[in-house]
PDB file of all heavy atoms in Angstrom:
ATOM      1  N   THR A   1      98.878  95.371  97.173  1.00  0.00           N
ATOM      2  CA  THR A   1      98.177  96.137  96.199  1.00  0.00           C
ATOM      3  C   THR A   1      99.064  97.429  96.037  1.00  0.00           C
ATOM      4  O   THR A   1      99.549  97.844  96.910  1.00  0.00           O
ATOM      5  CB  THR A   1      96.803  96.536  96.664  1.00  0.00           C
ATOM      6  OG1 THR A   1      96.025  95.365  96.763  1.00  0.00           O
ATOM      7  CG2 THR A   1      96.101  97.455  95.712  1.00  0.00           C
ATOM      8  N   ALA A   2      99.063  97.770  94.811  1.00  0.00           N
ATOM      9  CA  ALA A   2      99.853  99.017  94.450  1.00  0.00           C
ATOM     10  C   ALA A   2      99.113  99.971  93.509  1.00  0.00           C
ATOM     11  O   ALA A   2      98.447  99.316  92.602  1.00  0.00           O
ATOM     12  CB  ALA A   2     101.410  98.707  93.843  1.00  0.00           C
ATOM     13  N   SER A   3      99.404 101.201  93.630  1.00  0.00           N
ATOM     14  CA  SER A   3      98.616 102.166  92.711  1.00  0.00           C
ATOM     15  C   SER A   3      99.662 103.154  92.169  1.00  0.00           C
ATOM     16  O   SER A   3      99.327 104.175  91.605  1.00  0.00           O
ATOM     17  CB  SER A   3      97.420 102.871  93.422  1.00  0.00           C
ATOM     18  OG  SER A   3      97.890 103.601  94.448  1.00  0.00           O
ATOM     19  N   TRP A   4     100.982 102.845  92.593  1.00  0.00           N
ATOM     20  CA  TRP A   4     102.084 103.836  92.026  1.00  0.00           C
ATOM     21  C   TRP A   4     102.969 102.837  91.211  1.00  0.00           C
ATOM     22  O   TRP A   4     103.317 101.715  91.587  1.00  0.00           O
ATOM     23  CB  TRP A   4     102.818 104.396  93.249  1.00  0.00           C
ATOM     24  CG  TRP A   4     102.076 105.431  93.929  1.00  0.00           C
ATOM     25  CD1 TRP A   4     100.799 105.692  94.046  1.00  0.00           C
ATOM     26  CD2 TRP A   4     102.700 106.308  95.001  1.00  0.00           C
ATOM     27  NE1 TRP A   4     100.522 106.645  94.972  1.00  0.00           N
ATOM     28  CE2 TRP A   4     101.692 107.032  95.540  1.00  0.00           C
ATOM     29  CE3 TRP A   4     104.071 106.370  95.418  1.00  0.00           C
ATOM     30  CZ2 TRP A   4     102.002 108.017  96.504  1.00  0.00           C
ATOM     31  CZ3 TRP A   4     104.337 107.422  96.310  1.00  0.00           C
ATOM     32  CH2 TRP A   4     103.296 108.195  96.957  1.00  0.00           C
ATOM     33  N   GLY A   5     103.485 103.477  90.083  1.00  0.00           N
ATOM     34  CA  GLY A   5     104.465 102.712  89.271  1.00  0.00           C
ATOM     35  C   GLY A   5     104.237 103.016  87.815  1.00  0.00           C
ATOM     36  O   GLY A   5     103.486 103.932  87.421  1.00  0.00           O
ATOM     37  N   GLY A   6     104.940 102.172  86.966  1.00  0.00           N
ATOM     38  CA  GLY A   6     104.721 102.506  85.519  1.00  0.00           C
ATOM     39  C   GLY A   6     105.586 101.491  84.861  1.00  0.00           C
ATOM     40  O   GLY A   6     106.234 100.637  85.359  1.00  0.00           O
ATOM     41  N   VAL A   7     105.746 101.679  83.442  1.00  0.00           N
ATOM     42  CA  VAL A   7     106.501 100.974  82.577  1.00  0.00           C
ATOM     43  C   VAL A   7     107.194 101.980  81.643  1.00  0.00           C
ATOM     44  O   VAL A   7     106.747 103.054  81.524  1.00  0.00           O
ATOM     45  CB  VAL A   7     105.743  99.889  81.795  1.00  0.00           C
ATOM     46  CG1 VAL A   7     105.145  98.853  82.694  1.00  0.00           C
ATOM     47  CG2 VAL A   7     104.635 100.529  80.996  1.00  0.00           C
ATOM     48  N   GLY A   8     108.278 101.508  81.022  1.00  0.00           N
ATOM     49  CA  GLY A   8     109.024 102.396  80.194  1.00  0.00           C
ATOM     50  C   GLY A   8     110.333 101.662  79.651  1.00  0.00           C
ATOM     51  O   GLY A   8     110.538 100.530  79.722  1.00  0.00           O
ATOM     52  N   VAL A   9     111.283 102.405  79.444  1.00  0.00           N
ATOM     53  CA  VAL A   9     112.515 101.993  78.976  1.00  0.00           C
ATOM     54  C   VAL A   9     113.716 102.661  79.814  1.00  0.00           C
ATOM     55  O   VAL A   9     113.642 103.868  79.996  1.00  0.00           O
ATOM     56  CB  VAL A   9     112.840 102.359  77.368  1.00  0.00           C
ATOM     57  CG1 VAL A   9     114.251 101.843  76.937  1.00  0.00           C
ATOM     58  CG2 VAL A   9     111.759 101.736  76.491  1.00  0.00           C
ATOM     59  N   MET A  10     114.538 101.825  80.396  1.00  0.00           N
ATOM     60  CA  MET A  10     115.686 102.258  81.147  1.00  0.00           C
ATOM     61  C   MET A  10     116.885 101.514  80.962  1.00  0.00           C
ATOM     62  O   MET A  10     116.722 100.212  80.761  1.00  0.00           O
ATOM     63  CB  MET A  10     115.165 102.361  82.605  1.00  0.00           C
ATOM     64  CG  MET A  10     116.243 102.846  83.562  1.00  0.00           C
ATOM     65  SD  MET A  10     116.028 104.573  83.470  1.00  0.00           S
ATOM     66  CE  MET A  10     117.168 105.076  84.869  1.00  0.00           C
ATOM     67  N   TRP A  11     118.101 101.995  80.782  1.00  0.00           N
ATOM     68  CA  TRP A  11     119.235 101.214  80.605  1.00  0.00           C
ATOM     69  C   TRP A  11     119.112 100.327  79.364  1.00  0.00           C
ATOM     70  O   TRP A  11     119.662  99.181  79.279  1.00  0.00           O
ATOM     71  CB  TRP A  11     119.776 100.538  81.778  1.00  0.00           C
ATOM     72  CG  TRP A  11     119.866 101.446  82.974  1.00  0.00           C
ATOM     73  CD1 TRP A  11     120.569 102.604  83.079  1.00  0.00           C
ATOM     74  CD2 TRP A  11     119.270 101.414  84.282  1.00  0.00           C
ATOM     75  NE1 TRP A  11     120.568 103.190  84.213  1.00  0.00           N
ATOM     76  CE2 TRP A  11     119.665 102.483  85.033  1.00  0.00           C
ATOM     77  CE3 TRP A  11     118.281 100.493  84.781  1.00  0.00           C
ATOM     78  CZ2 TRP A  11     119.151 102.607  86.354  1.00  0.00           C
ATOM     79  CZ3 TRP A  11     117.987 100.730  86.109  1.00  0.00           C
ATOM     80  CH2 TRP A  11     118.305 101.746  86.895  1.00  0.00           C
ATOM     81  N   GLY A  12     118.440 100.714  78.256  1.00  0.00           N
ATOM     82  CA  GLY A  12     118.291 100.048  77.206  1.00  0.00           C
ATOM     83  C   GLY A  12     117.466  98.742  77.244  1.00  0.00           C
ATOM     84  O   GLY A  12     117.329  97.948  76.397  1.00  0.00           O
ATOM     85  N   LYS A  13     116.618  98.748  78.241  1.00  0.00           N
ATOM     86  CA  LYS A  13     115.709  97.617  78.542  1.00  0.00           C
ATOM     87  C   LYS A  13     114.335  97.992  78.734  1.00  0.00           C
ATOM     88  O   LYS A  13     114.011  99.112  79.312  1.00  0.00           O
ATOM     89  CB  LYS A  13     116.211  96.691  79.558  1.00  0.00           C
ATOM     90  CG  LYS A  13     117.585  96.162  79.343  1.00  0.00           C
ATOM     91  CD  LYS A  13     117.968  95.364  80.712  1.00  0.00           C
ATOM     92  CE  LYS A  13     119.456  94.915  80.528  1.00  0.00           C
ATOM     93  NZ  LYS A  13     119.548  93.745  79.772  1.00  0.00           N
ATOM     94  N   ASN A  14     113.377  97.183  78.310  1.00  0.00           N
ATOM     95  CA  ASN A  14     111.997  97.458  78.801  1.00  0.00           C
ATOM     96  C   ASN A  14     111.857  97.066  80.219  1.00  0.00           C
ATOM     97  O   ASN A  14     112.214  96.083  80.720  1.00  0.00           O
ATOM     98  CB  ASN A  14     110.958  96.573  78.026  1.00  0.00           C
ATOM     99  CG  ASN A  14     111.013  96.838  76.555  1.00  0.00           C
ATOM    100  OD1 ASN A  14     110.961  97.951  76.151  1.00  0.00           O
ATOM    101  ND2 ASN A  14     110.850  95.769  75.699  1.00  0.00           N
ATOM    102  N   VAL A  15     111.261  97.949  81.107  1.00  0.00           N
ATOM    103  CA  VAL A  15     111.182  97.993  82.496  1.00  0.00           C
ATOM    104  C   VAL A  15     109.883  98.335  82.954  1.00  0.00           C
ATOM    105  O   VAL A  15     109.101  98.906  82.356  1.00  0.00           O
ATOM    106  CB  VAL A  15     112.367  98.769  83.105  1.00  0.00           C
ATOM    107  CG1 VAL A  15     113.720  98.532  82.632  1.00  0.00           C
ATOM    108  CG2 VAL A  15     111.955 100.338  82.930  1.00  0.00           C
ATOM    109  N   ALA A  16     109.717  97.802  84.326  1.00  0.00           N
ATOM    110  CA  ALA A  16     108.622  98.276  85.126  1.00  0.00           C
ATOM    111  C   ALA A  16     109.137  98.875  86.365  1.00  0.00           C
ATOM    112  O   ALA A  16     110.231  98.445  86.764  1.00  0.00           O
ATOM    113  CB  ALA A  16     107.729  97.102  85.439  1.00  0.00           C
ATOM    114  N   PHE A  17     108.394  99.866  86.806  1.00  0.00           N
ATOM    115  CA  PHE A  17     108.986 100.413  88.151  1.00  0.00           C
ATOM    116  C   PHE A  17     107.781 100.463  89.136  1.00  0.00           C
ATOM    117  O   PHE A  17     106.824 100.847  88.725  1.00  0.00           O
ATOM    118  CB  PHE A  17     109.723 101.772  87.848  1.00  0.00           C
ATOM    119  CG  PHE A  17     108.902 102.868  87.304  1.00  0.00           C
ATOM    120  CD1 PHE A  17     108.241 103.812  87.952  1.00  0.00           C
ATOM    121  CD2 PHE A  17     108.888 102.833  85.778  1.00  0.00           C
ATOM    122  CE1 PHE A  17     107.322 104.779  87.229  1.00  0.00           C
ATOM    123  CE2 PHE A  17     108.148 103.824  85.165  1.00  0.00           C
ATOM    124  CZ  PHE A  17     107.387 104.795  85.927  1.00  0.00           C
ATOM    125  N   ILE A  18     108.260 100.245  90.433  1.00  0.00           N
ATOM    126  CA  ILE A  18     107.236 100.261  91.390  1.00  0.00           C
ATOM    127  C   ILE A  18     107.746 100.847  92.622  1.00  0.00           C
ATOM    128  O   ILE A  18     109.032 101.064  92.775  1.00  0.00           O
ATOM    129  CB  ILE A  18     106.807  98.710  91.751  1.00  0.00           C
ATOM    130  CG1 ILE A  18     108.188  97.798  92.301  1.00  0.00           C
ATOM    131  CG2 ILE A  18     106.246  97.984  90.634  1.00  0.00           C
ATOM    132  CD1 ILE A  18     107.875  96.480  92.755  1.00  0.00           C
ATOM    133  N   PHE A  19     106.915 101.257  93.519  1.00  0.00           N
ATOM    134  CA  PHE A  19     107.277 101.952  94.758  1.00  0.00           C
ATOM    135  C   PHE A  19     106.746 101.148  95.914  1.00  0.00           C
ATOM    136  O   PHE A  19     105.450 100.902  95.902  1.00  0.00           O
ATOM    137  CB  PHE A  19     106.803 103.322  94.758  1.00  0.00           C
ATOM    138  CG  PHE A  19     107.297 104.232  93.667  1.00  0.00           C
ATOM    139  CD1 PHE A  19     106.763 104.083  92.306  1.00  0.00           C
ATOM    140  CD2 PHE A  19     108.432 104.892  93.882  1.00  0.00           C
ATOM    141  CE1 PHE A  19     107.307 104.768  91.292  1.00  0.00           C
ATOM    142  CE2 PHE A  19     108.982 105.642  92.829  1.00  0.00           C
ATOM    143  CZ  PHE A  19     108.507 105.512  91.531  1.00  0.00           C
ATOM    144  N   VAL A  20     107.537 100.807  96.979  1.00  0.00           N
ATOM    145  CA  VAL A  20     106.987 100.009  98.157  1.00  0.00           C
ATOM    146  C   VAL A  20     107.488 100.612  99.459  1.00  0.00           C
ATOM    147  O   VAL A  20     108.658 101.027  99.503  1.00  0.00           O
ATOM    148  CB  VAL A  20     107.573  98.596  97.960  1.00  0.00           C
ATOM    149  CG1 VAL A  20     107.085  97.765  99.132  1.00  0.00           C
ATOM    150  CG2 VAL A  20     107.181  97.851  96.679  1.00  0.00           C
ATOM    151  N   ARG A  21     106.629 100.943 100.398  1.00  0.00           N
ATOM    152  CA  ARG A  21     106.823 101.518 101.533  1.00  0.00           C
ATOM    153  C   ARG A  21     107.723 100.691 102.427  1.00  0.00           C
ATOM    154  O   ARG A  21     107.723  99.373 102.401  1.00  0.00           O
ATOM    155  CB  ARG A  21     105.697 101.853 102.314  1.00  0.00           C
ATOM    156  CG  ARG A  21     104.828 103.202 101.635  1.00  0.00           C
ATOM    157  CD  ARG A  21     103.982 103.799 102.664  1.00  0.00           C
ATOM    158  NE  ARG A  21     103.133 104.844 102.131  1.00  0.00           N
ATOM    159  CZ  ARG A  21     103.401 106.213 102.024  1.00  0.00           C
ATOM    160  NH1 ARG A  21     104.639 106.477 102.659  1.00  0.00           N
ATOM    161  NH2 ARG A  21     102.667 106.971 101.483  1.00  0.00           N
ATOM    162  N   ASP A  22     108.471 101.296 103.300  1.00  0.00           N
ATOM    163  CA  ASP A  22     109.388 100.529 104.193  1.00  0.00           C
ATOM    164  C   ASP A  22     108.683  99.500 104.985  1.00  0.00           C
ATOM    165  O   ASP A  22     109.338  98.507 105.371  1.00  0.00           O
ATOM    166  CB  ASP A  22     110.163 101.544 105.123  1.00  0.00           C
ATOM    167  CG  ASP A  22     111.151 102.373 104.327  1.00  0.00           C
ATOM    168  OD1 ASP A  22     111.500 102.105 103.207  1.00  0.00           O
ATOM    169  OD2 ASP A  22     111.446 103.368 104.950  1.00  0.00           O
ATOM    170  N   THR A  23     107.535  99.834 105.536  1.00  0.00           N
ATOM    171  CA  THR A  23     106.759  98.948 106.430  1.00  0.00           C
ATOM    172  C   THR A  23     106.051  97.781 105.847  1.00  0.00           C
ATOM    173  O   THR A  23     105.519  96.952 106.498  1.00  0.00           O
ATOM    174  CB  THR A  23     105.627  99.757 107.107  1.00  0.00           C
ATOM    175  OG1 THR A  23     104.827 100.387 106.165  1.00  0.00           O
ATOM    176  CG2 THR A  23     106.393 100.860 108.017  1.00  0.00           C
ATOM    177  N   ARG A  24     106.024  97.680 104.435  1.00  0.00           N
ATOM    178  CA  ARG A  24     105.269  96.668 103.820  1.00  0.00           C
ATOM    179  C   ARG A  24     106.041  95.244 103.830  1.00  0.00           C
ATOM    180  O   ARG A  24     107.228  95.306 103.614  1.00  0.00           O
ATOM    181  CB  ARG A  24     105.068  96.991 102.377  1.00  0.00           C
ATOM    182  CG  ARG A  24     104.124  98.259 102.187  1.00  0.00           C
ATOM    183  CD  ARG A  24     102.792  98.125 102.879  1.00  0.00           C
ATOM    184  NE  ARG A  24     101.875  97.109 102.353  1.00  0.00           N
ATOM    185  CZ  ARG A  24     100.988  97.131 101.582  1.00  0.00           C
ATOM    186  NH1 ARG A  24     100.579  98.408 101.125  1.00  0.00           N
ATOM    187  NH2 ARG A  24     100.152  96.159 101.162  1.00  0.00           N
ATOM    188  N   TYR A  25     105.229  94.328 104.168  1.00  0.00           N
ATOM    189  CA  TYR A  25     105.929  92.927 104.298  1.00  0.00           C
ATOM    190  C   TYR A  25     106.428  92.468 102.978  1.00  0.00           C
ATOM    191  O   TYR A  25     107.490  91.686 102.911  1.00  0.00           O
ATOM    192  CB  TYR A  25     104.717  92.039 104.800  1.00  0.00           C
ATOM    193  CG  TYR A  25     105.170  90.478 105.005  1.00  0.00           C
ATOM    194  CD1 TYR A  25     106.385  90.273 105.847  1.00  0.00           C
ATOM    195  CD2 TYR A  25     104.402  89.415 104.623  1.00  0.00           C
ATOM    196  CE1 TYR A  25     106.690  88.988 106.056  1.00  0.00           C
ATOM    197  CE2 TYR A  25     104.804  88.195 104.958  1.00  0.00           C
ATOM    198  CZ  TYR A  25     105.968  87.939 105.690  1.00  0.00           C
ATOM    199  OH  TYR A  25     106.269  86.663 105.985  1.00  0.00           O
ATOM    200  N   THR A  26     105.770  92.751 101.893  1.00  0.00           N
ATOM    201  CA  THR A  26     106.183  92.369 100.572  1.00  0.00           C
ATOM    202  C   THR A  26     107.646  92.914 100.325  1.00  0.00           C
ATOM    203  O   THR A  26     108.384  92.311  99.490  1.00  0.00           O
ATOM    204  CB  THR A  26     105.270  92.899  99.519  1.00  0.00           C
ATOM    205  OG1 THR A  26     104.020  92.250  99.768  1.00  0.00           O
ATOM    206  CG2 THR A  26     105.646  92.374  98.140  1.00  0.00           C
ATOM    207  N   LYS A  27     108.044  94.111 100.822  1.00  0.00           N
ATOM    208  CA  LYS A  27     109.292  94.717 100.603  1.00  0.00           C
ATOM    209  C   LYS A  27     110.434  93.671 101.045  1.00  0.00           C
ATOM    210  O   LYS A  27     111.380  93.581 100.420  1.00  0.00           O
ATOM    211  CB  LYS A  27     109.484  95.959 101.354  1.00  0.00           C
ATOM    212  CG  LYS A  27     110.742  96.759 101.157  1.00  0.00           C
ATOM    213  CD  LYS A  27     110.825  97.991 101.849  1.00  0.00           C
ATOM    214  CE  LYS A  27     111.917  98.902 101.383  1.00  0.00           C
ATOM    215  NZ  LYS A  27     113.229  98.162 101.434  1.00  0.00           N
ATOM    216  N   GLU A  28     110.252  92.927 102.126  1.00  0.00           N
ATOM    217  CA  GLU A  28     111.132  91.965 102.523  1.00  0.00           C
ATOM    218  C   GLU A  28     111.459  91.009 101.464  1.00  0.00           C
ATOM    219  O   GLU A  28     112.644  90.484 101.161  1.00  0.00           O
ATOM    220  CB  GLU A  28     110.720  91.368 103.875  1.00  0.00           C
ATOM    221  CG  GLU A  28     110.681  92.184 104.998  1.00  0.00           C
ATOM    222  CD  GLU A  28     109.967  91.496 106.299  1.00  0.00           C
ATOM    223  OE1 GLU A  28     110.231  90.277 106.373  1.00  0.00           O
ATOM    224  OE2 GLU A  28     109.474  92.236 107.052  1.00  0.00           O
ATOM    225  N   PHE A  29     110.423  90.542 100.793  1.00  0.00           N
ATOM    226  CA  PHE A  29     110.450  89.514  99.772  1.00  0.00           C
ATOM    227  C   PHE A  29     111.273  90.096  98.482  1.00  0.00           C
ATOM    228  O   PHE A  29     112.027  89.295  97.864  1.00  0.00           O
ATOM    229  CB  PHE A  29     109.153  88.917  99.292  1.00  0.00           C
ATOM    230  CG  PHE A  29     108.515  88.187 100.552  1.00  0.00           C
ATOM    231  CD1 PHE A  29     107.749  88.782 101.416  1.00  0.00           C
ATOM    232  CD2 PHE A  29     108.766  86.776 100.569  1.00  0.00           C
ATOM    233  CE1 PHE A  29     107.240  87.962 102.497  1.00  0.00           C
ATOM    234  CE2 PHE A  29     108.138  85.916 101.641  1.00  0.00           C
ATOM    235  CZ  PHE A  29     107.340  86.633 102.528  1.00  0.00           C
ATOM    236  N   ILE A  30     110.785  91.235  98.240  1.00  0.00           N
ATOM    237  CA  ILE A  30     111.496  91.887  96.961  1.00  0.00           C
ATOM    238  C   ILE A  30     113.006  92.206  97.389  1.00  0.00           C
ATOM    239  O   ILE A  30     113.847  91.856  96.422  1.00  0.00           O
ATOM    240  CB  ILE A  30     110.947  93.284  96.625  1.00  0.00           C
ATOM    241  CG1 ILE A  30     109.441  93.037  96.281  1.00  0.00           C
ATOM    242  CG2 ILE A  30     111.683  94.041  95.542  1.00  0.00           C
ATOM    243  CD1 ILE A  30     108.650  94.413  96.098  1.00  0.00           C
ATOM    244  N   ASP A  31     113.337  92.647  98.573  1.00  0.00           N
ATOM    245  CA  ASP A  31     114.674  92.858  98.814  1.00  0.00           C
ATOM    246  C   ASP A  31     115.583  91.639  98.953  1.00  0.00           C
ATOM    247  O   ASP A  31     116.825  91.641  98.616  1.00  0.00           O
ATOM    248  CB  ASP A  31     114.851  93.545 100.324  1.00  0.00           C
ATOM    249  CG  ASP A  31     114.309  95.085 100.218  1.00  0.00           C
ATOM    250  OD1 ASP A  31     114.262  95.625  99.161  1.00  0.00           O
ATOM    251  OD2 ASP A  31     114.073  95.528 101.351  1.00  0.00           O
ATOM    252  N   ASN A  32     115.008  90.589  99.307  1.00  0.00           N
ATOM    253  CA  ASN A  32     115.667  89.321  99.390  1.00  0.00           C
ATOM    254  C   ASN A  32     115.724  88.454  98.126  1.00  0.00           C
ATOM    255  O   ASN A  32     116.205  87.324  98.316  1.00  0.00           O
ATOM    256  CB  ASN A  32     115.197  88.532 100.585  1.00  0.00           C
ATOM    257  CG  ASN A  32     115.485  89.199 102.044  1.00  0.00           C
ATOM    258  OD1 ASN A  32     116.526  89.764 102.137  1.00  0.00           O
ATOM    259  ND2 ASN A  32     114.501  89.123 102.908  1.00  0.00           N
ATOM    260  N   GLY A  33     115.050  88.799  97.086  1.00  0.00           N
ATOM    261  CA  GLY A  33     115.003  88.093  95.950  1.00  0.00           C
ATOM    262  C   GLY A  33     115.604  88.901  94.631  1.00  0.00           C
ATOM    263  O   GLY A  33     115.846  89.934  94.888  1.00  0.00           O
ATOM    264  N   ASP A  34     115.406  88.299  93.624  1.00  0.00           N
ATOM    265  CA  ASP A  34     115.991  88.818  92.393  1.00  0.00           C
ATOM    266  C   ASP A  34     114.839  89.221  91.402  1.00  0.00           C
ATOM    267  O   ASP A  34     115.038  89.793  90.476  1.00  0.00           O
ATOM    268  CB  ASP A  34     116.900  87.817  91.612  1.00  0.00           C
ATOM    269  CG  ASP A  34     118.053  87.539  92.395  1.00  0.00           C
ATOM    270  OD1 ASP A  34     118.667  88.463  93.005  1.00  0.00           O
ATOM    271  OD2 ASP A  34     118.595  86.453  92.341  1.00  0.00           O
ATOM    272  N   THR A  35     113.509  88.825  91.746  1.00  0.00           N
ATOM    273  CA  THR A  35     112.452  88.974  90.870  1.00  0.00           C
ATOM    274  C   THR A  35     111.132  89.461  91.466  1.00  0.00           C
ATOM    275  O   THR A  35     111.030  89.327  92.718  1.00  0.00           O
ATOM    276  CB  THR A  35     112.075  87.684  90.155  1.00  0.00           C
ATOM    277  OG1 THR A  35     111.757  86.720  91.155  1.00  0.00           O
ATOM    278  CG2 THR A  35     113.266  87.127  89.304  1.00  0.00           C
ATOM    279  N   PHE A  36     110.234  89.871  90.758  1.00  0.00           N
ATOM    280  CA  PHE A  36     108.894  90.253  91.323  1.00  0.00           C
ATOM    281  C   PHE A  36     107.948  90.244  90.111  1.00  0.00           C
ATOM    282  O   PHE A  36     108.397  90.139  88.922  1.00  0.00           O
ATOM    283  CB  PHE A  36     108.874  91.563  92.091  1.00  0.00           C
ATOM    284  CG  PHE A  36     109.221  92.804  91.164  1.00  0.00           C
ATOM    285  CD1 PHE A  36     108.164  93.442  90.379  1.00  0.00           C
ATOM    286  CD2 PHE A  36     110.444  93.306  91.182  1.00  0.00           C
ATOM    287  CE1 PHE A  36     108.566  94.577  89.671  1.00  0.00           C
ATOM    288  CE2 PHE A  36     110.887  94.447  90.377  1.00  0.00           C
ATOM    289  CZ  PHE A  36     110.004  95.054  89.682  1.00  0.00           C
ATOM    290  N   SER A  37     106.704  90.165  90.434  1.00  0.00           N
ATOM    291  CA  SER A  37     105.772  90.222  89.272  1.00  0.00           C
ATOM    292  C   SER A  37     104.643  91.174  89.559  1.00  0.00           C
ATOM    293  O   SER A  37     104.421  91.632  90.801  1.00  0.00           O
ATOM    294  CB  SER A  37     105.095  88.865  89.080  1.00  0.00           C
ATOM    295  OG  SER A  37     104.237  88.483  90.225  1.00  0.00           O
ATOM    296  N   LEU A  38     103.966  91.659  88.560  1.00  0.00           N
ATOM    297  CA  LEU A  38     102.806  92.616  88.669  1.00  0.00           C
ATOM    298  C   LEU A  38     101.610  91.880  87.908  1.00  0.00           C
ATOM    299  O   LEU A  38     101.676  91.550  86.746  1.00  0.00           O
ATOM    300  CB  LEU A  38     103.106  93.899  87.913  1.00  0.00           C
ATOM    301  CG  LEU A  38     104.390  94.644  88.399  1.00  0.00           C
ATOM    302  CD1 LEU A  38     104.661  95.877  87.415  1.00  0.00           C
ATOM    303  CD2 LEU A  38     104.293  95.081  89.798  1.00  0.00           C
ATOM    304  N   THR A  39     100.583  91.712  88.685  1.00  0.00           N
ATOM    305  CA  THR A  39      99.400  91.029  88.164  1.00  0.00           C
ATOM    306  C   THR A  39      98.230  91.970  88.105  1.00  0.00           C
ATOM    307  O   THR A  39      97.970  92.705  89.093  1.00  0.00           O
ATOM    308  CB  THR A  39      98.947  89.806  89.068  1.00  0.00           C
ATOM    309  OG1 THR A  39     100.129  88.924  89.261  1.00  0.00           O
ATOM    310  CG2 THR A  39      97.824  89.032  88.438  1.00  0.00           C
TER     311      THR A  39
END
């Protein structure tokens, strides 16, 4: 679950930005992959 983040434009692309603490298990998956989703 996340309650920090947003959407906008960066580097000429539509983007989403999220913030994940160091201790979160999901961070390992984000760091080791190329993608993520927001539901």
